Amino acid sequence: METPAWQKWEGRWEQLAGRVKRLWGRLLADEHLQLEGEMEVAIGAHREQVGLAREEFQQRLDERLPCR
């Protein structure tokens, strides 16, 4: 299972890779590659937000529960 921090960083990495792919598609005038890059950026942003939400949820849960 992925940790929230790993999921957050994986999302950021995916956004970066998508931006590079999108730029490369623009340079090559390849619309399909540009769209793939756009999709990767969107998926990465979603994955980052889910990771952030999971981290926040875990912190709140840890605050409310006694030490394990």
PDB file of N, CA and C in Angstrom:
ATOM      1  N   MET A   1       0.836  -1.189   0.000  1.00  0.00           N
ATOM      2  CA  MET A   1       0.000   0.000   0.000  1.00  0.00           C
ATOM      3  C   MET A   1       0.878   1.250   0.000  1.00  0.00           C
ATOM      4  N   GLU A   2       0.514   2.208  -0.793  1.00  0.00           N
ATOM      5  CA  GLU A   2       1.266   3.448  -0.878  1.00  0.00           C
ATOM      6  C   GLU A   2       1.005   4.304   0.347  1.00  0.00           C
ATOM      7  N   THR A   3       2.049   4.942   0.832  1.00  0.00           N
ATOM      8  CA  THR A   3       1.862   5.896   1.911  1.00  0.00           C
ATOM      9  C   THR A   3       1.370   7.205   1.299  1.00  0.00           C
ATOM     10  N   PRO A   4       0.707   8.042   2.103  1.00  0.00           N
ATOM     11  CA  PRO A   4       0.239   9.322   1.556  1.00  0.00           C
ATOM     12  C   PRO A   4       1.378  10.183   1.008  1.00  0.00           C
ATOM     13  N   ALA A   5       2.518  10.185   1.715  1.00  0.00           N
ATOM     14  CA  ALA A   5       3.645  11.001   1.247  1.00  0.00           C
ATOM     15  C   ALA A   5       4.156  10.492  -0.100  1.00  0.00           C
ATOM     16  N   TRP A   6       4.235   9.172  -0.248  1.00  0.00           N
ATOM     17  CA  TRP A   6       4.704   8.587  -1.515  1.00  0.00           C
ATOM     18  C   TRP A   6       3.724   8.938  -2.630  1.00  0.00           C
ATOM     19  N   GLN A   7       2.438   8.849  -2.337  1.00  0.00           N
ATOM     20  CA  GLN A   7       1.421   9.146  -3.337  1.00  0.00           C
ATOM     21  C   GLN A   7       1.511  10.611  -3.769  1.00  0.00           C
ATOM     22  N   LYS A   8       1.769  11.491  -2.807  1.00  0.00           N
ATOM     23  CA  LYS A   8       1.900  12.913  -3.113  1.00  0.00           C
ATOM     24  C   LYS A   8       3.090  13.154  -4.046  1.00  0.00           C
ATOM     25  N   TRP A   9       4.238  12.573  -3.737  1.00  0.00           N
ATOM     26  CA  TRP A   9       5.424  12.777  -4.563  1.00  0.00           C
ATOM     27  C   TRP A   9       5.303  12.096  -5.913  1.00  0.00           C
ATOM     28  N   GLU A  10       4.651  10.952  -5.931  1.00  0.00           N
ATOM     29  CA  GLU A  10       4.429  10.276  -7.200  1.00  0.00           C
ATOM     30  C   GLU A  10       3.552  11.138  -8.109  1.00  0.00           C
ATOM     31  N   GLY A  11       2.552  11.793  -7.512  1.00  0.00           N
ATOM     32  CA  GLY A  11       1.694  12.700  -8.286  1.00  0.00           C
ATOM     33  C   GLY A  11       2.461  13.879  -8.842  1.00  0.00           C
ATOM     34  N   ARG A  12       3.348  14.422  -8.034  1.00  0.00           N
ATOM     35  CA  ARG A  12       4.164  15.544  -8.522  1.00  0.00           C
ATOM     36  C   ARG A  12       5.078  15.110  -9.661  1.00  0.00           C
ATOM     37  N   TRP A  13       5.665  13.918  -9.525  1.00  0.00           N
ATOM     38  CA  TRP A  13       6.545  13.405 -10.574  1.00  0.00           C
ATOM     39  C   TRP A  13       5.756  13.192 -11.870  1.00  0.00           C
ATOM     40  N   GLU A  14       4.553  12.641 -11.721  1.00  0.00           N
ATOM     41  CA  GLU A  14       3.727  12.394 -12.904  1.00  0.00           C
ATOM     42  C   GLU A  14       3.337  13.702 -13.590  1.00  0.00           C
ATOM     43  N   GLN A  15       3.090  14.747 -12.818  1.00  0.00           N
ATOM     44  CA  GLN A  15       2.788  16.048 -13.403  1.00  0.00           C
ATOM     45  C   GLN A  15       3.985  16.584 -14.193  1.00  0.00           C
ATOM     46  N   LEU A  16       5.174  16.430 -13.618  1.00  0.00           N
ATOM     47  CA  LEU A  16       6.380  16.882 -14.306  1.00  0.00           C
ATOM     48  C   LEU A  16       6.583  16.116 -15.613  1.00  0.00           C
ATOM     49  N   ALA A  17       6.424  14.803 -15.555  1.00  0.00           N
ATOM     50  CA  ALA A  17       6.580  13.991 -16.764  1.00  0.00           C
ATOM     51  C   ALA A  17       5.538  14.381 -17.812  1.00  0.00           C
ATOM     52  N   GLY A  18       4.323  14.673 -17.371  1.00  0.00           N
ATOM     53  CA  GLY A  18       3.278  15.092 -18.296  1.00  0.00           C
ATOM     54  C   GLY A  18       3.587  16.426 -18.953  1.00  0.00           C
ATOM     55  N   ARG A  19       4.138  17.337 -18.167  1.00  0.00           N
ATOM     56  CA  ARG A  19       4.496  18.649 -18.730  1.00  0.00           C
ATOM     57  C   ARG A  19       5.590  18.504 -19.791  1.00  0.00           C
ATOM     58  N   VAL A  20       6.564  17.632 -19.511  1.00  0.00           N
ATOM     59  CA  VAL A  20       7.648  17.405 -20.481  1.00  0.00           C
ATOM     60  C   VAL A  20       7.072  16.780 -21.751  1.00  0.00           C
ATOM     61  N   LYS A  21       6.190  15.795 -21.577  1.00  0.00           N
ATOM     62  CA  LYS A  21       5.588  15.123 -22.739  1.00  0.00           C
ATOM     63  C   LYS A  21       4.752  16.111 -23.554  1.00  0.00           C
ATOM     64  N   ARG A  22       4.014  16.967 -22.851  1.00  0.00           N
ATOM     65  CA  ARG A  22       3.201  17.974 -23.535  1.00  0.00           C
ATOM     66  C   ARG A  22       4.086  18.933 -24.326  1.00  0.00           C
ATOM     67  N   LEU A  23       5.179  19.388 -23.732  1.00  0.00           N
ATOM     68  CA  LEU A  23       6.105  20.287 -24.408  1.00  0.00           C
ATOM     69  C   LEU A  23       6.748  19.598 -25.611  1.00  0.00           C
ATOM     70  N   TRP A  24       7.145  18.350 -25.434  1.00  0.00           N
ATOM     71  CA  TRP A  24       7.756  17.602 -26.529  1.00  0.00           C
ATOM     72  C   TRP A  24       6.751  17.447 -27.683  1.00  0.00           C
ATOM     73  N   GLY A  25       5.495  17.220 -27.330  1.00  0.00           N
ATOM     74  CA  GLY A  25       4.454  17.124 -28.358  1.00  0.00           C
ATOM     75  C   GLY A  25       4.287  18.431 -29.119  1.00  0.00           C
ATOM     76  N   ARG A  26       4.395  19.550 -28.395  1.00  0.00           N
ATOM     77  CA  ARG A  26       4.305  20.854 -29.071  1.00  0.00           C
ATOM     78  C   ARG A  26       5.480  21.049 -30.031  1.00  0.00           C
ATOM     79  N   LEU A  27       6.672  20.673 -29.560  1.00  0.00           N
ATOM     80  CA  LEU A  27       7.866  20.840 -30.402  1.00  0.00           C
ATOM     81  C   LEU A  27       7.783  19.994 -31.667  1.00  0.00           C
ATOM     82  N   LEU A  28       7.199  18.792 -31.539  1.00  0.00           N
ATOM     83  CA  LEU A  28       7.083  17.889 -32.688  1.00  0.00           C
ATOM     84  C   LEU A  28       5.776  18.067 -33.454  1.00  0.00           C
ATOM     85  N   ALA A  29       4.931  18.979 -32.987  1.00  0.00           N
ATOM     86  CA  ALA A  29       3.602  19.193 -33.580  1.00  0.00           C
ATOM     87  C   ALA A  29       2.805  17.890 -33.582  1.00  0.00           C
ATOM     88  N   ASP A  30       2.912  17.145 -32.488  1.00  0.00           N
ATOM     89  CA  ASP A  30       2.214  15.870 -32.324  1.00  0.00           C
ATOM     90  C   ASP A  30       1.068  16.070 -31.324  1.00  0.00           C
ATOM     91  N   GLU A  31      -0.131  16.226 -31.848  1.00  0.00           N
ATOM     92  CA  GLU A  31      -1.290  16.505 -31.006  1.00  0.00           C
ATOM     93  C   GLU A  31      -1.580  15.364 -30.029  1.00  0.00           C
ATOM     94  N   HIS A  32      -1.383  14.130 -30.479  1.00  0.00           N
ATOM     95  CA  HIS A  32      -1.630  12.971 -29.623  1.00  0.00           C
ATOM     96  C   HIS A  32      -0.695  12.989 -28.402  1.00  0.00           C
ATOM     97  N   LEU A  33       0.554  13.304 -28.624  1.00  0.00           N
ATOM     98  CA  LEU A  33       1.530  13.373 -27.538  1.00  0.00           C
ATOM     99  C   LEU A  33       1.196  14.512 -26.577  1.00  0.00           C
ATOM    100  N   GLN A  34       0.736  15.620 -27.117  1.00  0.00           N
ATOM    101  CA  GLN A  34       0.323  16.749 -26.279  1.00  0.00           C
ATOM    102  C   GLN A  34      -0.842  16.350 -25.381  1.00  0.00           C
ATOM    103  N   LEU A  35      -1.815  15.647 -25.953  1.00  0.00           N
ATOM    104  CA  LEU A  35      -2.966  15.219 -25.167  1.00  0.00           C
ATOM    105  C   LEU A  35      -2.582  14.200 -24.097  1.00  0.00           C
ATOM    106  N   GLU A  36      -1.659  13.310 -24.417  1.00  0.00           N
ATOM    107  CA  GLU A  36      -1.157  12.365 -23.415  1.00  0.00           C
ATOM    108  C   GLU A  36      -0.521  13.119 -22.256  1.00  0.00           C
ATOM    109  N   GLY A  37       0.255  14.138 -22.577  1.00  0.00           N
ATOM    110  CA  GLY A  37       0.884  14.960 -21.539  1.00  0.00           C
ATOM    111  C   GLY A  37      -0.140  15.661 -20.678  1.00  0.00           C
ATOM    112  N   GLU A  38      -1.174  16.213 -21.301  1.00  0.00           N
ATOM    113  CA  GLU A  38      -2.243  16.873 -20.552  1.00  0.00           C
ATOM    114  C   GLU A  38      -2.915  15.901 -19.587  1.00  0.00           C
ATOM    115  N   MET A  39      -3.164  14.682 -20.066  1.00  0.00           N
ATOM    116  CA  MET A  39      -3.820  13.684 -19.232  1.00  0.00           C
ATOM    117  C   MET A  39      -2.923  13.305 -18.050  1.00  0.00           C
ATOM    118  N   GLU A  40      -1.632  13.141 -18.297  1.00  0.00           N
ATOM    119  CA  GLU A  40      -0.711  12.799 -17.215  1.00  0.00           C
ATOM    120  C   GLU A  40      -0.632  13.915 -16.175  1.00  0.00           C
ATOM    121  N   VAL A  41      -0.666  15.159 -16.611  1.00  0.00           N
ATOM    122  CA  VAL A  41      -0.646  16.281 -15.677  1.00  0.00           C
ATOM    123  C   VAL A  41      -1.899  16.234 -14.797  1.00  0.00           C
ATOM    124  N   ALA A  42      -3.048  16.002 -15.410  1.00  0.00           N
ATOM    125  CA  ALA A  42      -4.299  15.953 -14.653  1.00  0.00           C
ATOM    126  C   ALA A  42      -4.319  14.783 -13.669  1.00  0.00           C
ATOM    127  N   ILE A  43      -3.878  13.626 -14.107  1.00  0.00           N
ATOM    128  CA  ILE A  43      -3.847  12.454 -13.225  1.00  0.00           C
ATOM    129  C   ILE A  43      -2.863  12.680 -12.087  1.00  0.00           C
ATOM    130  N   GLY A  44      -1.720  13.264 -12.388  1.00  0.00           N
ATOM    131  CA  GLY A  44      -0.732  13.555 -11.358  1.00  0.00           C
ATOM    132  C   GLY A  44      -1.246  14.544 -10.329  1.00  0.00           C
ATOM    133  N   ALA A  45      -1.957  15.562 -10.790  1.00  0.00           N
ATOM    134  CA  ALA A  45      -2.531  16.546  -9.868  1.00  0.00           C
ATOM    135  C   ALA A  45      -3.552  15.878  -8.952  1.00  0.00           C
ATOM    136  N   HIS A  46      -4.363  15.008  -9.510  1.00  0.00           N
ATOM    137  CA  HIS A  46      -5.343  14.288  -8.704  1.00  0.00           C
ATOM    138  C   HIS A  46      -4.642  13.403  -7.671  1.00  0.00           C
ATOM    139  N   ARG A  47      -3.623  12.676  -8.110  1.00  0.00           N
ATOM    140  CA  ARG A  47      -2.891  11.777  -7.209  1.00  0.00           C
ATOM    141  C   ARG A  47      -2.221  12.570  -6.079  1.00  0.00           C
ATOM    142  N   GLU A  48      -1.684  13.753  -6.410  1.00  0.00           N
ATOM    143  CA  GLU A  48      -1.070  14.595  -5.382  1.00  0.00           C
ATOM    144  C   GLU A  48      -2.113  15.055  -4.369  1.00  0.00           C
ATOM    145  N   GLN A  49      -3.279  15.489  -4.839  1.00  0.00           N
ATOM    146  CA  GLN A  49      -4.330  15.950  -3.938  1.00  0.00           C
ATOM    147  C   GLN A  49      -4.844  14.834  -3.041  1.00  0.00           C
ATOM    148  N   VAL A  50      -4.965  13.634  -3.588  1.00  0.00           N
ATOM    149  CA  VAL A  50      -5.401  12.489  -2.784  1.00  0.00           C
ATOM    150  C   VAL A  50      -4.363  12.203  -1.706  1.00  0.00           C
ATOM    151  N   GLY A  51      -3.093  12.267  -2.058  1.00  0.00           N
ATOM    152  CA  GLY A  51      -2.028  12.052  -1.082  1.00  0.00           C
ATOM    153  C   GLY A  51      -2.055  13.085   0.026  1.00  0.00           C
ATOM    154  N   LEU A  52      -2.269  14.352  -0.341  1.00  0.00           N
ATOM    155  CA  LEU A  52      -2.361  15.418   0.657  1.00  0.00           C
ATOM    156  C   LEU A  52      -3.564  15.197   1.578  1.00  0.00           C
ATOM    157  N   ALA A  53      -4.678  14.806   0.998  1.00  0.00           N
ATOM    158  CA  ALA A  53      -5.887  14.562   1.791  1.00  0.00           C
ATOM    159  C   ALA A  53      -5.676  13.386   2.740  1.00  0.00           C
ATOM    160  N   ARG A  54      -5.017  12.345   2.261  1.00  0.00           N
ATOM    161  CA  ARG A  54      -4.741  11.181   3.112  1.00  0.00           C
ATOM    162  C   ARG A  54      -3.799  11.559   4.256  1.00  0.00           C
ATOM    163  N   GLU A  55      -2.788  12.398   3.968  1.00  0.00           N
ATOM    164  CA  GLU A  55      -1.871  12.848   5.023  1.00  0.00           C
ATOM    165  C   GLU A  55      -2.619  13.633   6.090  1.00  0.00           C
ATOM    166  N   GLU A  56      -3.472  14.551   5.660  1.00  0.00           N
ATOM    167  CA  GLU A  56      -4.244  15.370   6.595  1.00  0.00           C
ATOM    168  C   GLU A  56      -5.175  14.493   7.425  1.00  0.00           C
ATOM    169  N   PHE A  57      -5.827  13.547   6.788  1.00  0.00           N
ATOM    170  CA  PHE A  57      -6.726  12.637   7.495  1.00  0.00           C
ATOM    171  C   PHE A  57      -5.945  11.827   8.530  1.00  0.00           C
ATOM    172  N   GLN A  58      -4.771  11.324   8.155  1.00  0.00           N
ATOM    173  CA  GLN A  58      -3.957  10.532   9.080  1.00  0.00           C
ATOM    174  C   GLN A  58      -3.506  11.375  10.268  1.00  0.00           C
ATOM    175  N   GLN A  59      -3.132  12.626  10.033  1.00  0.00           N
ATOM    176  CA  GLN A  59      -2.727  13.517  11.119  1.00  0.00           C
ATOM    177  C   GLN A  59      -3.879  13.758  12.083  1.00  0.00           C
ATOM    178  N   ARG A  60      -5.055  14.010  11.540  1.00  0.00           N
ATOM    179  CA  ARG A  60      -6.222  14.239  12.401  1.00  0.00           C
ATOM    180  C   ARG A  60      -6.568  12.990  13.198  1.00  0.00           C
ATOM    181  N   LEU A  61      -6.454  11.855  12.557  1.00  0.00           N
ATOM    182  CA  LEU A  61      -6.736  10.597  13.237  1.00  0.00           C
ATOM    183  C   LEU A  61      -5.719  10.357  14.356  1.00  0.00           C
ATOM    184  N   ASP A  62      -4.456  10.625  14.092  1.00  0.00           N
ATOM    185  CA  ASP A  62      -3.418  10.441  15.096  1.00  0.00           C
ATOM    186  C   ASP A  62      -3.624  11.388  16.292  1.00  0.00           C
ATOM    187  N   GLU A  63      -4.113  12.585  16.034  1.00  0.00           N
ATOM    188  CA  GLU A  63      -4.370  13.545  17.113  1.00  0.00           C
ATOM    189  C   GLU A  63      -5.489  13.061  18.034  1.00  0.00           C
ATOM    190  N   ARG A  64      -6.482  12.399  17.467  1.00  0.00           N
ATOM    191  CA  ARG A  64      -7.647  11.967  18.247  1.00  0.00           C
ATOM    192  C   ARG A  64      -7.446  10.633  18.956  1.00  0.00           C
ATOM    193  N   LEU A  65      -6.623   9.771  18.386  1.00  0.00           N
ATOM    194  CA  LEU A  65      -6.418   8.460  18.985  1.00  0.00           C
ATOM    195  C   LEU A  65      -5.223   8.451  19.912  1.00  0.00           C
ATOM    196  N   PRO A  66      -5.288   7.698  21.001  1.00  0.00           N
ATOM    197  CA  PRO A  66      -4.113   7.592  21.861  1.00  0.00           C
ATOM    198  C   PRO A  66      -2.999   6.864  21.135  1.00  0.00           C
ATOM    199  N   CYS A  67      -1.817   6.936  21.672  1.00  0.00           N
ATOM    200  CA  CYS A  67      -0.656   6.274  21.039  1.00  0.00           C
ATOM    201  C   CYS A  67      -0.952   4.818  20.799  1.00  0.00           C
ATOM    202  N   ARG A  68      -0.474   4.336  19.715  1.00  0.00           N
ATOM    203  CA  ARG A  68      -0.725   2.944  19.330  1.00  0.00           C
ATOM    204  C   ARG A  68       0.228   2.023  20.008  1.00  0.00           C
TER     205      ARG A  68
END
